Amino acid sequence: MNGKEMQGNQPIDPQVRQKEMELVRKKLTALFGKIDHEVPLLLFTDPTINHLYNEVLRAVTRSIREVASLVTLREFDGSHALAKKHGVSHFPTLLFDPEHFAIRWLGAPVGEEGRAFVEAITMLGYRQTQISAPSRKVLERITTPRAIKLFISPTCPFCPQQVVNGLKAAIARPELISLEIIDIQANPKLAEQYNAFSVPVCFANEVMIAKGAQPEELFMASLEKLAQQSFFIPESEAEQVDTDVTIIGGGPSGLAAGIYAARSGLKAVIIERGALGGQVALTPVVENYPGLSRIEGKTLVDIMVSHALEYVTIYPDEEVMEIKSGPPFEILTNRRRYTARAVLFATGASYRRLGVPGEERLAGSGVSYCTTCDGALFKGKEVIVVGGGDSALTDALYLANNEIRVTVVHRRESFRAQDHLVKQLNKHGIQVLFNCEVKEIRGGSKVEAVVVQNNQSGELMTRATDGVFVAVGYQPAVELARKTGLALTPEGFIQVDKNHRTSVPGIYAAGDVEGGYRQIVTAAGQGSGAAITIFEDLINPYWK
């Protein structure tokens, strides 16, 4: 075609191309002309590896240097001592101001990556990232190193956004955060090693924290938590928050209550001192939530929280210290003050642990605290139930009815359970080890055995088993309720009537803290029921 370039089926006029290049050069000159910090670039290449990428990267960096006087470029062979000093083992690799930052590019900024490369030079040259205040607060909470590996591709239009997020983090916290931008086409073996073929995909400290591009704040939250986050809740600077109903607890009950309260026209907020989702967030797999045959507990929590955020404001990592009588009630936390016409306790409860070696490590991998949640997984296998009360025997009978071989381990010489449960246990021929305690749970990736001690003889024995169901009690979170003056049941739960009203007018309770079946679906149902009661009572206060 007479030496002319082609675009599609049409030749490109060299003069048009020249004008386009001049326009790009003018824009880059204007962009980089006022840079006030030197940006040293160190380029490492190996002539035997990725020759084309070496040449492209060399050309790009040289062209940038020509329009930005404070951008300097030094080129080294991969065998140079500096390559070893900086741990460079893939070629080409470009280091950005390595004396001050830990940012490197493995590959060449071609295609869509060009935009991200320009952003990198701009941020470093001006020492300005335009990072948002919420993102900066998240980064300030990071106290341990984060090594980011961000896999991208020249053909990915979403990758530059994620690269910019990584750059902002690495520039804002250079003492803790490093960034490797990895072109999967130039580094296919690395991509294969990390299974990083759907870009952008981001790892931090060898843990996958993000797939796809994210908003800046969500990326920072994922980096802080070292886990992919589905929502971001910015911190509030408000010293006082006025509400119709303040919900204490961000588990299924509290989240459902928030949705129903808001949809009833009430201004509701949720305060959660720990992990949103409560026990559900720690559950590996949920298989009994209607409509979702199998879902990770964390994923279910993300869905619930994202839904609730459409209606209510959530205040995470905040603990209620005191509730002053009302209505209106005054709720004091470790961060601010709330006023409320009604208060809902959805503080939940937690399973008591054995506290033996192996229990925490194998939780969700054979160690369980919920037979209705996990029992079906052990059909045809052998398990141990630890405990001697109603819950333990009910669990043992439930498992036995699901074709599971059960042995009960109880530390005393007789059960504390109701007589009819004991009779049923004997009827089913379930083996019982009295005066025995589990001292250790053993296994590799899952439970394989337990070490049991006879309390009378002191003898230790190792017993093979596929699972351990712990039923030694349930601890409702009632410290604040007790301090507030709410009546409790003999079992230690908050005492409520059929409409979730407590002994104090205007204060309600829902979910596991009021006892019951302790299931996700029932907790959500109790939360929604309590919200409806609150709405009706605020219209027509029963205490008047």
Protein backbone atom coordinates (compact mmCIF):
# COMPACT_ATOMS: atom_id res chain seq x y z
CA MET A 1 0.00 0.00 0.00
CA ASN A 2 2.84 2.33 -0.91
CA GLY A 3 4.27 2.31 2.63
CA LYS A 4 1.08 3.66 4.19
CA GLU A 5 -0.31 2.32 7.49
CA MET A 6 -3.68 0.59 7.47
CA GLN A 7 -6.63 1.24 9.76
CA GLY A 8 -9.25 -1.41 9.06
CA ASN A 9 -9.34 -1.58 5.27
CA GLN A 10 -8.40 2.04 4.83
CA PRO A 11 -4.87 3.44 4.54
CA ILE A 12 -3.85 6.06 7.12
CA ASP A 13 -2.51 9.30 5.74
CA PRO A 14 0.99 9.85 7.19
CA GLN A 15 0.24 13.53 7.66
CA VAL A 16 -2.87 12.69 9.69
CA ARG A 17 -0.82 10.31 11.82
CA GLN A 18 1.82 12.97 12.32
CA LYS A 19 -0.78 15.51 13.46
CA GLU A 20 -2.25 12.99 15.90
CA MET A 21 1.18 12.30 17.37
CA GLU A 22 1.88 16.00 17.73
CA LEU A 23 -1.44 16.49 19.52
CA VAL A 24 -0.64 13.66 21.96
CA ARG A 25 2.80 15.14 22.54
CA LYS A 26 1.30 18.57 23.31
CA LYS A 27 -1.16 17.07 25.79
CA LEU A 28 1.56 15.12 27.57
CA THR A 29 3.83 18.17 27.64
CA ALA A 30 1.03 20.21 29.25
CA LEU A 31 0.28 17.42 31.70
CA PHE A 32 3.85 16.73 32.76
CA GLY A 33 5.30 20.21 32.29
CA LYS A 34 4.51 21.36 35.82
CA ILE A 35 5.64 18.23 37.64
CA ASP A 36 7.51 19.36 40.77
CA HIS A 37 9.00 16.06 41.96
CA GLU A 38 11.61 13.96 40.22
CA VAL A 39 10.34 10.58 39.01
CA PRO A 40 13.30 8.23 38.56
CA LEU A 41 12.47 5.21 36.38
CA LEU A 42 14.65 2.10 36.41
CA LEU A 43 14.15 -0.21 33.44
CA PHE A 44 15.40 -3.80 33.54
CA THR A 45 15.38 -5.90 30.37
CA ASP A 46 16.67 -9.21 29.13
CA PRO A 47 17.32 -9.42 25.37
CA THR A 48 16.40 -13.11 25.38
CA ILE A 49 12.97 -12.59 27.00
CA ASN A 50 9.99 -10.59 25.73
CA HIS A 51 12.05 -8.70 23.16
CA LEU A 52 9.02 -6.87 21.73
CA TYR A 53 7.83 -5.80 25.17
CA ASN A 54 11.34 -4.60 26.00
CA GLU A 55 11.37 -2.37 22.95
CA VAL A 56 7.86 -1.03 23.55
CA LEU A 57 8.57 -0.21 27.19
CA ARG A 58 11.85 1.41 26.24
CA ALA A 59 10.13 3.53 23.60
CA VAL A 60 7.29 4.60 25.90
CA THR A 61 9.53 5.58 28.80
CA ARG A 62 11.90 7.48 26.51
CA SER A 63 9.03 9.41 24.98
CA ILE A 64 7.73 10.35 28.44
CA ARG A 65 11.19 11.49 29.44
CA GLU A 66 11.35 13.78 26.42
CA VAL A 67 8.24 15.74 27.50
CA ALA A 68 8.84 15.65 31.26
CA SER A 69 12.18 17.04 32.37
CA LEU A 70 11.88 15.63 35.89
CA VAL A 71 11.27 12.11 34.65
CA THR A 72 14.61 10.31 34.46
CA LEU A 73 15.29 6.92 32.93
CA ARG A 74 18.13 4.50 33.66
CA GLU A 75 18.30 1.21 31.75
CA PHE A 76 19.94 -1.97 33.01
CA ASP A 77 20.46 -5.48 31.82
CA GLY A 78 18.71 -8.15 33.87
CA SER A 79 22.05 -9.42 35.13
CA HIS A 80 22.97 -6.07 36.69
CA ALA A 81 23.56 -5.97 40.47
CA LEU A 82 20.64 -3.57 40.88
CA ALA A 83 18.27 -6.22 39.53
CA LYS A 84 19.29 -8.49 42.37
CA LYS A 85 19.10 -5.65 44.89
CA HIS A 86 15.51 -4.85 43.93
CA GLY A 87 14.46 -8.47 43.47
CA VAL A 88 13.76 -8.14 39.74
CA SER A 89 13.24 -11.56 38.17
CA HIS A 90 10.76 -10.92 35.32
CA PHE A 91 11.49 -8.91 32.21
CA PRO A 92 10.83 -6.25 31.30
CA THR A 93 10.30 -4.64 34.70
CA LEU A 94 10.01 -0.90 35.33
CA LEU A 95 10.57 0.47 38.84
CA PHE A 96 9.04 3.82 39.80
CA ASP A 97 11.20 5.89 42.17
CA PRO A 98 12.35 2.79 44.09
CA GLU A 99 14.07 4.82 46.80
CA HIS A 100 10.70 6.14 47.99
CA PHE A 101 8.05 3.76 46.66
CA ALA A 102 7.59 0.03 46.03
CA ILE A 103 5.84 0.22 42.66
CA ARG A 104 6.82 -1.85 39.64
CA TRP A 105 5.37 -2.66 36.24
CA LEU A 106 5.95 -6.13 34.78
CA GLY A 107 5.32 -5.77 31.06
CA ALA A 108 4.76 -2.71 28.89
CA PRO A 109 1.99 -0.06 29.11
CA VAL A 110 0.37 -0.62 25.74
CA GLY A 111 -3.28 -0.45 24.77
CA GLU A 112 -5.60 0.34 27.67
CA GLU A 113 -2.63 0.20 30.04
CA GLY A 114 -1.27 3.45 28.62
CA ARG A 115 -3.82 5.45 30.60
CA ALA A 116 -2.73 3.85 33.86
CA PHE A 117 0.93 4.50 33.06
CA VAL A 118 0.22 8.21 32.53
CA GLU A 119 -1.66 8.25 35.86
CA ALA A 120 1.35 6.71 37.60
CA ILE A 121 3.76 9.36 36.31
CA THR A 122 1.28 12.13 37.16
CA MET A 123 0.65 10.95 40.73
CA LEU A 124 4.34 10.49 41.47
CA GLY A 125 5.36 13.71 39.74
CA TYR A 126 2.87 15.86 41.61
CA ARG A 127 2.79 13.69 44.76
CA GLN A 128 -0.97 13.99 44.58
CA THR A 129 -3.34 11.04 44.34
CA GLN A 130 -6.68 12.80 44.90
CA ILE A 131 -7.54 9.95 47.22
CA SER A 132 -10.86 10.41 48.99
CA ALA A 133 -11.09 11.11 52.73
CA PRO A 134 -12.96 7.82 53.44
CA SER A 135 -10.29 5.87 51.55
CA ARG A 136 -7.52 7.59 53.46
CA LYS A 137 -9.17 6.66 56.75
CA VAL A 138 -9.31 3.02 55.70
CA LEU A 139 -5.63 3.05 54.73
CA GLU A 140 -4.73 4.62 58.06
CA ARG A 141 -6.17 1.57 59.81
CA ILE A 142 -3.70 -0.73 58.04
CA THR A 143 -0.83 -1.51 60.41
CA THR A 144 0.85 -4.47 58.71
CA PRO A 145 2.44 -4.75 55.23
CA ARG A 146 0.35 -5.33 52.11
CA ALA A 147 2.02 -6.73 48.99
CA ILE A 148 -0.33 -6.14 46.06
CA LYS A 149 -0.17 -8.14 42.84
CA LEU A 150 -2.51 -6.68 40.25
CA PHE A 151 -2.97 -8.65 37.02
CA ILE A 152 -4.04 -6.67 33.95
CA SER A 153 -4.16 -6.87 30.16
CA PRO A 154 -3.67 -4.32 27.32
CA THR A 155 -7.13 -5.16 25.97
CA CYS A 156 -9.00 -4.68 29.28
CA PRO A 157 -10.87 -1.34 29.51
CA PHE A 158 -11.56 -1.85 33.24
CA CYS A 159 -7.97 -2.49 34.30
CA PRO A 160 -6.78 1.14 34.43
CA GLN A 161 -9.33 1.94 37.14
CA GLN A 162 -8.02 -0.84 39.36
CA VAL A 163 -4.41 0.15 38.63
CA VAL A 164 -5.19 3.68 39.77
CA ASN A 165 -6.64 2.29 43.00
CA GLY A 166 -3.47 0.32 43.59
CA LEU A 167 -1.29 3.33 42.84
CA LYS A 168 -3.21 5.49 45.29
CA ALA A 169 -2.73 2.93 48.04
CA ALA A 170 0.98 2.42 47.37
CA ILE A 171 1.70 6.15 47.16
CA ALA A 172 -0.39 7.04 50.21
CA ARG A 173 1.24 4.37 52.45
CA PRO A 174 4.66 3.64 50.89
CA GLU A 175 6.04 2.32 54.19
CA LEU A 176 3.55 -0.58 54.21
CA ILE A 177 2.10 -1.07 50.73
CA SER A 178 3.88 -2.38 47.63
CA LEU A 179 2.37 -2.74 44.17
CA GLU A 180 3.22 -5.03 41.26
CA ILE A 181 1.30 -4.32 38.07
CA ILE A 182 1.53 -7.52 36.04
CA ASP A 183 0.69 -7.74 32.35
CA ILE A 184 -0.64 -11.28 31.85
CA GLN A 185 0.35 -11.33 28.17
CA ALA A 186 3.96 -10.53 29.00
CA ASN A 187 3.93 -12.86 32.02
CA PRO A 188 1.77 -15.87 31.16
CA LYS A 189 3.49 -18.17 33.66
CA LEU A 190 2.70 -15.80 36.53
CA ALA A 191 -0.88 -15.54 35.31
CA GLU A 192 -1.15 -19.31 35.25
CA GLN A 193 0.40 -19.60 38.71
CA TYR A 194 -2.27 -17.32 40.16
CA ASN A 195 -5.04 -18.45 37.81
CA ALA A 196 -5.33 -14.80 36.81
CA PHE A 197 -6.87 -14.97 33.36
CA SER A 198 -10.00 -12.89 34.00
CA VAL A 199 -8.58 -9.43 34.57
CA PRO A 200 -8.38 -7.27 36.49
CA VAL A 201 -7.76 -9.58 39.42
CA CYS A 202 -5.96 -8.43 42.54
CA PHE A 203 -4.05 -10.29 45.24
CA ALA A 204 -2.68 -8.90 48.50
CA ASN A 205 -0.31 -10.95 50.63
CA GLU A 206 -1.05 -13.88 48.29
CA VAL A 207 -4.80 -13.68 49.03
CA MET A 208 -7.27 -12.85 46.24
CA ILE A 209 -9.03 -9.65 47.35
CA ALA A 210 -10.79 -8.49 44.19
CA LYS A 211 -12.06 -9.62 40.81
CA GLY A 212 -13.01 -6.89 38.40
CA ALA A 213 -12.69 -3.15 38.83
CA GLN A 214 -13.89 -1.62 42.09
CA PRO A 215 -14.78 1.83 43.35
CA GLU A 216 -11.82 3.32 45.16
CA GLU A 217 -13.25 2.97 48.68
CA LEU A 218 -14.23 -0.64 48.10
CA PHE A 219 -10.72 -1.47 46.90
CA MET A 220 -9.22 0.07 50.03
CA ALA A 221 -11.64 -1.85 52.26
CA SER A 222 -10.72 -5.10 50.48
CA LEU A 223 -7.05 -4.29 50.97
CA GLU A 224 -7.56 -3.61 54.66
CA LYS A 225 -9.62 -6.75 55.31
CA LEU A 226 -7.55 -8.96 52.97
CA ALA A 227 -10.82 -10.25 51.55
CA GLN A 228 -13.08 -9.17 48.72
CA GLN A 229 -15.65 -6.70 50.02
CA SER A 230 -19.08 -6.21 48.51
CA PHE A 231 -20.00 -2.95 50.16
CA PHE A 232 -18.36 0.08 51.75
CA ILE A 233 -19.71 1.95 54.75
CA PRO A 234 -18.05 5.35 55.23
CA GLU A 235 -17.34 6.57 58.73
CA SER A 236 -19.64 9.25 60.09
CA GLU A 237 -18.38 12.38 61.85
CA ALA A 238 -21.80 13.16 63.36
CA GLU A 239 -21.75 13.63 67.12
CA GLN A 240 -25.50 13.04 67.46
CA VAL A 241 -27.94 10.99 65.39
CA ASP A 242 -31.70 11.34 65.89
CA THR A 243 -33.81 8.31 64.99
CA ASP A 244 -37.23 6.75 65.37
CA VAL A 245 -35.71 3.36 66.15
CA THR A 246 -32.14 2.45 66.96
CA ILE A 247 -31.31 -1.20 66.27
CA ILE A 248 -28.43 -2.67 68.26
CA GLY A 249 -26.92 -5.55 66.31
CA GLY A 250 -26.19 -6.11 62.64
CA GLY A 251 -26.98 -9.81 62.25
CA PRO A 252 -29.88 -11.24 60.20
CA SER A 253 -32.41 -10.07 62.79
CA GLY A 254 -31.12 -6.50 62.97
CA LEU A 255 -30.70 -6.18 59.21
CA ALA A 256 -34.22 -7.46 58.55
CA ALA A 257 -35.60 -5.13 61.21
CA GLY A 258 -33.86 -2.17 59.59
CA ILE A 259 -35.39 -2.92 56.21
CA TYR A 260 -38.91 -3.36 57.59
CA ALA A 261 -38.68 -0.31 59.85
CA ALA A 262 -37.51 1.93 57.03
CA ARG A 263 -40.15 0.61 54.66
CA SER A 264 -42.73 1.50 57.32
CA GLY A 265 -41.58 5.10 57.16
CA LEU A 266 -39.42 5.06 60.29
CA LYS A 267 -35.96 6.54 60.45
CA ALA A 268 -33.85 3.59 61.55
CA VAL A 269 -30.15 3.01 62.13
CA ILE A 270 -28.19 -0.13 62.92
CA ILE A 271 -25.24 -0.17 65.32
CA GLU A 272 -22.88 -3.17 65.25
CA ARG A 273 -19.82 -3.55 67.45
CA GLY A 274 -18.42 -6.64 65.72
CA ALA A 275 -18.67 -8.31 62.34
CA LEU A 276 -21.82 -7.57 60.37
CA GLY A 277 -23.85 -10.74 59.96
CA GLY A 278 -22.85 -12.16 63.34
CA GLN A 279 -22.45 -15.93 63.40
CA VAL A 280 -23.55 -16.22 59.77
CA ALA A 281 -20.42 -14.40 58.59
CA LEU A 282 -18.34 -17.17 60.19
CA THR A 283 -20.38 -20.01 58.70
CA PRO A 284 -18.55 -21.64 55.77
CA VAL A 285 -21.67 -22.88 53.95
CA VAL A 286 -25.39 -22.28 54.49
CA GLU A 287 -27.66 -24.90 52.94
CA ASN A 288 -31.01 -24.30 54.63
CA TYR A 289 -31.89 -20.70 53.77
CA PRO A 290 -35.02 -20.70 51.57
CA GLY A 291 -34.33 -19.87 47.95
CA LEU A 292 -30.57 -20.38 48.25
CA SER A 293 -29.81 -24.09 48.23
CA ARG A 294 -26.11 -23.56 48.95
CA ILE A 295 -24.30 -20.32 49.69
CA GLU A 296 -21.26 -19.21 51.65
CA GLY A 297 -22.18 -17.53 54.92
CA LYS A 298 -20.09 -14.46 54.07
CA THR A 299 -21.82 -14.15 50.68
CA LEU A 300 -25.25 -14.35 52.29
CA VAL A 301 -24.23 -11.64 54.75
CA ASP A 302 -23.00 -9.43 51.90
CA ILE A 303 -26.38 -9.79 50.18
CA MET A 304 -28.25 -8.94 53.38
CA VAL A 305 -26.06 -5.95 54.25
CA SER A 306 -26.18 -4.55 50.70
CA HIS A 307 -29.98 -4.80 50.81
CA ALA A 308 -30.21 -3.13 54.22
CA LEU A 309 -27.94 -0.28 53.10
CA GLU A 310 -30.58 0.67 50.54
CA TYR A 311 -32.82 1.64 53.46
CA VAL A 312 -30.84 2.35 56.62
CA THR A 313 -27.55 3.77 57.78
CA ILE A 314 -25.27 1.22 59.41
CA TYR A 315 -22.67 2.24 61.98
CA PRO A 316 -20.08 -0.58 62.13
CA ASP A 317 -17.35 -1.10 64.71
CA GLU A 318 -19.31 0.90 67.27
CA GLU A 319 -20.33 -0.31 70.72
CA VAL A 320 -23.30 0.85 72.77
CA MET A 321 -22.09 1.70 76.25
CA GLU A 322 -25.30 2.92 77.89
CA ILE A 323 -29.00 3.43 77.24
CA LYS A 324 -30.70 6.17 79.24
CA SER A 325 -34.40 5.76 79.98
CA GLY A 326 -37.05 7.13 77.69
CA PRO A 327 -38.81 7.44 75.39
CA PRO A 328 -37.11 9.25 73.89
CA PHE A 329 -34.14 7.07 74.70
CA GLU A 330 -30.57 8.30 74.73
CA ILE A 331 -28.08 5.76 73.41
CA LEU A 332 -24.42 6.45 74.12
CA THR A 333 -21.74 4.63 72.15
CA ASN A 334 -17.97 4.79 72.14
CA ARG A 335 -18.25 7.29 69.27
CA ARG A 336 -21.43 9.36 69.48
CA ARG A 337 -24.90 9.90 70.93
CA TYR A 338 -28.20 8.69 69.50
CA THR A 339 -31.77 9.56 70.36
CA ALA A 340 -34.60 7.13 69.63
CA ARG A 341 -38.31 6.73 70.19
CA ALA A 342 -37.75 2.97 70.37
CA VAL A 343 -34.80 0.61 70.77
CA LEU A 344 -34.46 -2.91 69.38
CA PHE A 345 -31.98 -5.37 70.88
CA ALA A 346 -30.76 -7.72 68.13
CA THR A 347 -27.47 -8.47 69.84
CA GLY A 348 -27.54 -12.19 69.07
CA ALA A 349 -25.84 -15.02 70.86
CA SER A 350 -22.83 -17.25 70.39
CA TYR A 351 -22.08 -20.92 70.89
CA ARG A 352 -19.92 -21.83 73.84
CA ARG A 353 -16.63 -23.35 72.77
CA LEU A 354 -14.74 -26.28 74.25
CA GLY A 355 -11.50 -24.33 74.12
CA VAL A 356 -9.42 -27.35 73.15
CA PRO A 357 -6.61 -27.60 70.57
CA GLY A 358 -7.87 -28.07 67.02
CA GLU A 359 -11.35 -26.66 67.67
CA GLU A 360 -10.89 -23.24 66.07
CA ARG A 361 -8.69 -24.52 63.24
CA LEU A 362 -11.18 -27.19 62.20
CA ALA A 363 -14.34 -25.14 62.74
CA GLY A 364 -16.38 -25.57 59.58
CA SER A 365 -14.23 -28.54 58.57
CA GLY A 366 -15.86 -31.14 60.78
CA VAL A 367 -16.32 -29.10 63.95
CA SER A 368 -19.86 -27.74 64.08
CA TYR A 369 -22.19 -26.06 66.56
CA CYS A 370 -25.43 -26.51 64.62
CA THR A 371 -26.89 -29.90 63.74
CA THR A 372 -29.74 -28.48 61.65
CA CYS A 373 -27.18 -26.49 59.66
CA ASP A 374 -24.54 -29.15 59.08
CA GLY A 375 -25.99 -32.51 60.08
CA ALA A 376 -26.96 -33.58 56.57
CA LEU A 377 -23.31 -33.39 55.52
CA PHE A 378 -22.48 -36.39 57.74
CA LYS A 379 -25.07 -38.88 56.53
CA GLY A 380 -23.62 -42.39 56.73
CA LYS A 381 -20.65 -41.18 58.78
CA GLU A 382 -19.67 -41.21 62.44
CA VAL A 383 -19.72 -38.17 64.71
CA ILE A 384 -19.35 -37.19 68.35
CA VAL A 385 -21.77 -34.92 70.21
CA VAL A 386 -20.26 -33.14 73.20
CA GLY A 387 -22.64 -32.16 76.01
CA GLY A 388 -25.23 -33.48 78.40
CA GLY A 389 -28.16 -31.09 78.36
CA ASP A 390 -31.37 -30.89 76.34
CA SER A 391 -29.59 -29.37 73.33
CA ALA A 392 -26.93 -32.09 73.23
CA LEU A 393 -29.42 -34.96 73.39
CA THR A 394 -31.75 -33.29 70.90
CA ASP A 395 -28.78 -32.91 68.55
CA ALA A 396 -27.79 -36.55 69.02
CA LEU A 397 -31.32 -37.76 68.23
CA TYR A 398 -31.55 -35.47 65.21
CA LEU A 399 -28.30 -36.84 63.81
CA ALA A 400 -29.25 -40.45 64.53
CA ASN A 401 -32.51 -39.94 62.64
CA ASN A 402 -30.44 -38.83 59.66
CA GLU A 403 -28.56 -42.13 59.44
CA ILE A 404 -25.50 -40.88 61.27
CA ARG A 405 -23.64 -42.98 63.84
CA VAL A 406 -23.51 -40.93 67.03
CA THR A 407 -21.53 -41.12 70.27
CA VAL A 408 -22.29 -38.67 73.08
CA VAL A 409 -19.41 -37.50 75.27
CA HIS A 410 -20.52 -36.05 78.64
CA ARG A 411 -18.23 -34.91 81.43
CA ARG A 412 -20.59 -35.94 84.25
CA GLU A 413 -21.93 -39.33 85.36
CA SER A 414 -25.55 -38.47 84.46
CA PHE A 415 -27.42 -36.23 82.03
CA ARG A 416 -28.97 -32.87 82.87
CA ALA A 417 -31.47 -33.33 80.04
CA GLN A 418 -35.17 -34.05 80.34
CA ASP A 419 -36.07 -37.64 81.11
CA HIS A 420 -37.98 -38.26 77.87
CA LEU A 421 -34.88 -37.26 75.87
CA VAL A 422 -32.76 -39.69 77.86
CA LYS A 423 -35.27 -42.47 77.18
CA GLN A 424 -35.25 -41.68 73.46
CA LEU A 425 -31.46 -41.76 73.47
CA ASN A 426 -31.48 -45.22 75.03
CA LYS A 427 -34.20 -46.38 72.64
CA HIS A 428 -32.04 -45.46 69.67
CA GLY A 429 -29.05 -47.30 71.17
CA ILE A 430 -26.83 -44.22 71.01
CA GLN A 431 -23.50 -44.83 72.73
CA VAL A 432 -22.61 -42.55 75.65
CA LEU A 433 -19.21 -41.94 77.24
CA PHE A 434 -19.94 -40.64 80.75
CA ASN A 435 -17.34 -38.91 82.92
CA CYS A 436 -15.37 -38.07 79.78
CA GLU A 437 -14.14 -34.86 78.15
CA VAL A 438 -12.77 -34.08 74.70
CA LYS A 439 -9.24 -32.74 75.18
CA GLU A 440 -8.14 -32.32 71.56
CA ILE A 441 -9.58 -32.44 68.05
CA ARG A 442 -7.21 -33.79 65.43
CA GLY A 443 -7.12 -33.71 61.65
CA GLY A 444 -5.43 -32.21 58.62
CA SER A 445 -7.88 -30.41 56.36
CA LYS A 446 -10.86 -31.93 58.22
CA VAL A 447 -11.66 -33.70 61.50
CA GLU A 448 -10.19 -37.19 61.74
CA ALA A 449 -10.13 -38.02 65.46
CA VAL A 450 -10.60 -36.74 69.00
CA VAL A 451 -8.61 -37.31 72.16
CA VAL A 452 -10.96 -38.15 75.04
CA GLN A 453 -9.99 -38.23 78.72
CA ASN A 454 -11.75 -40.33 81.35
CA ASN A 455 -12.22 -37.98 84.32
CA GLN A 456 -12.17 -40.84 86.84
CA SER A 457 -9.11 -42.74 85.70
CA GLY A 458 -7.33 -39.93 83.85
CA GLU A 459 -6.83 -42.29 80.93
CA LEU A 460 -6.55 -40.75 77.44
CA MET A 461 -7.84 -42.46 74.34
CA THR A 462 -7.90 -41.47 70.68
CA ARG A 463 -11.15 -42.09 68.87
CA ALA A 464 -11.63 -41.81 65.11
CA THR A 465 -14.55 -39.64 64.01
CA ASP A 466 -15.70 -37.65 60.99
CA GLY A 467 -17.18 -34.77 62.95
CA VAL A 468 -17.61 -33.13 66.33
CA PHE A 469 -20.86 -31.37 67.24
CA VAL A 470 -20.38 -29.11 70.24
CA ALA A 471 -23.52 -28.59 72.36
CA VAL A 472 -22.26 -27.24 75.66
CA GLY A 473 -24.41 -24.15 75.83
CA TYR A 474 -25.35 -20.93 74.15
CA GLN A 475 -24.31 -17.50 75.39
CA PRO A 476 -26.76 -14.69 74.56
CA ALA A 477 -25.28 -11.18 74.39
CA VAL A 478 -27.30 -9.66 77.23
CA GLU A 479 -24.73 -7.59 79.13
CA LEU A 480 -26.19 -4.32 77.86
CA ALA A 481 -29.77 -5.59 78.33
CA ARG A 482 -29.03 -6.49 81.95
CA LYS A 483 -27.42 -3.10 82.52
CA THR A 484 -30.47 -1.40 80.99
CA GLY A 485 -32.78 -3.23 83.38
CA LEU A 486 -34.49 -5.66 81.02
CA ALA A 487 -35.94 -8.83 82.52
CA LEU A 488 -34.22 -12.06 81.49
CA THR A 489 -35.50 -15.61 81.25
CA PRO A 490 -34.17 -18.34 83.58
CA GLU A 491 -31.98 -19.46 80.65
CA GLY A 492 -30.47 -15.97 80.39
CA PHE A 493 -32.22 -14.69 77.24
CA ILE A 494 -34.12 -11.39 77.03
CA GLN A 495 -37.68 -11.94 78.15
CA VAL A 496 -40.23 -10.87 75.51
CA ASP A 497 -43.92 -11.29 74.80
CA LYS A 498 -45.30 -12.65 71.53
CA ASN A 499 -44.78 -9.23 69.90
CA HIS A 500 -41.11 -8.94 70.92
CA ARG A 501 -41.83 -6.37 73.66
CA THR A 502 -39.46 -6.48 76.63
CA SER A 503 -40.20 -5.57 80.25
CA VAL A 504 -39.28 -1.93 79.52
CA PRO A 505 -41.82 -0.01 77.39
CA GLY A 506 -40.31 1.15 74.11
CA ILE A 507 -37.53 -1.45 74.12
CA TYR A 508 -37.83 -4.60 72.03
CA ALA A 509 -35.76 -7.69 71.29
CA ALA A 510 -35.52 -10.07 68.35
CA GLY A 511 -33.39 -12.91 67.06
CA ASP A 512 -31.11 -15.25 68.96
CA VAL A 513 -30.93 -12.96 72.00
CA GLU A 514 -34.54 -13.86 72.81
CA GLY A 515 -33.92 -17.61 72.39
CA GLY A 516 -35.84 -19.88 70.08
CA TYR A 517 -34.55 -21.98 67.22
CA ARG A 518 -31.39 -19.95 66.57
CA GLN A 519 -31.65 -20.19 62.80
CA ILE A 520 -30.95 -17.50 60.19
CA VAL A 521 -34.45 -17.64 58.77
CA THR A 522 -36.16 -17.40 62.18
CA ALA A 523 -33.87 -14.54 63.28
CA ALA A 524 -34.77 -12.58 60.14
CA GLY A 525 -38.45 -13.32 60.73
CA GLN A 526 -38.26 -12.16 64.34
CA GLY A 527 -36.49 -8.97 63.27
CA SER A 528 -39.14 -8.10 60.69
CA GLY A 529 -41.91 -8.92 63.19
CA ALA A 530 -40.35 -6.69 65.82
CA ALA A 531 -40.07 -3.81 63.33
CA ILE A 532 -43.77 -4.10 62.48
CA THR A 533 -44.66 -4.08 66.19
CA ILE A 534 -42.49 -1.01 66.75
CA PHE A 535 -44.21 0.82 63.90
CA GLU A 536 -47.65 0.01 65.29
CA ASP A 537 -46.65 0.91 68.87
CA LEU A 538 -45.19 4.27 67.86
CA ILE A 539 -48.50 5.11 66.21
CA ASN A 540 -50.44 3.94 69.25
CA PRO A 541 -48.11 3.50 72.26
CA TYR A 542 -49.36 0.57 74.32
CA TRP A 543 -47.69 1.95 77.45
CA LYS A 544 -50.02 4.95 77.41
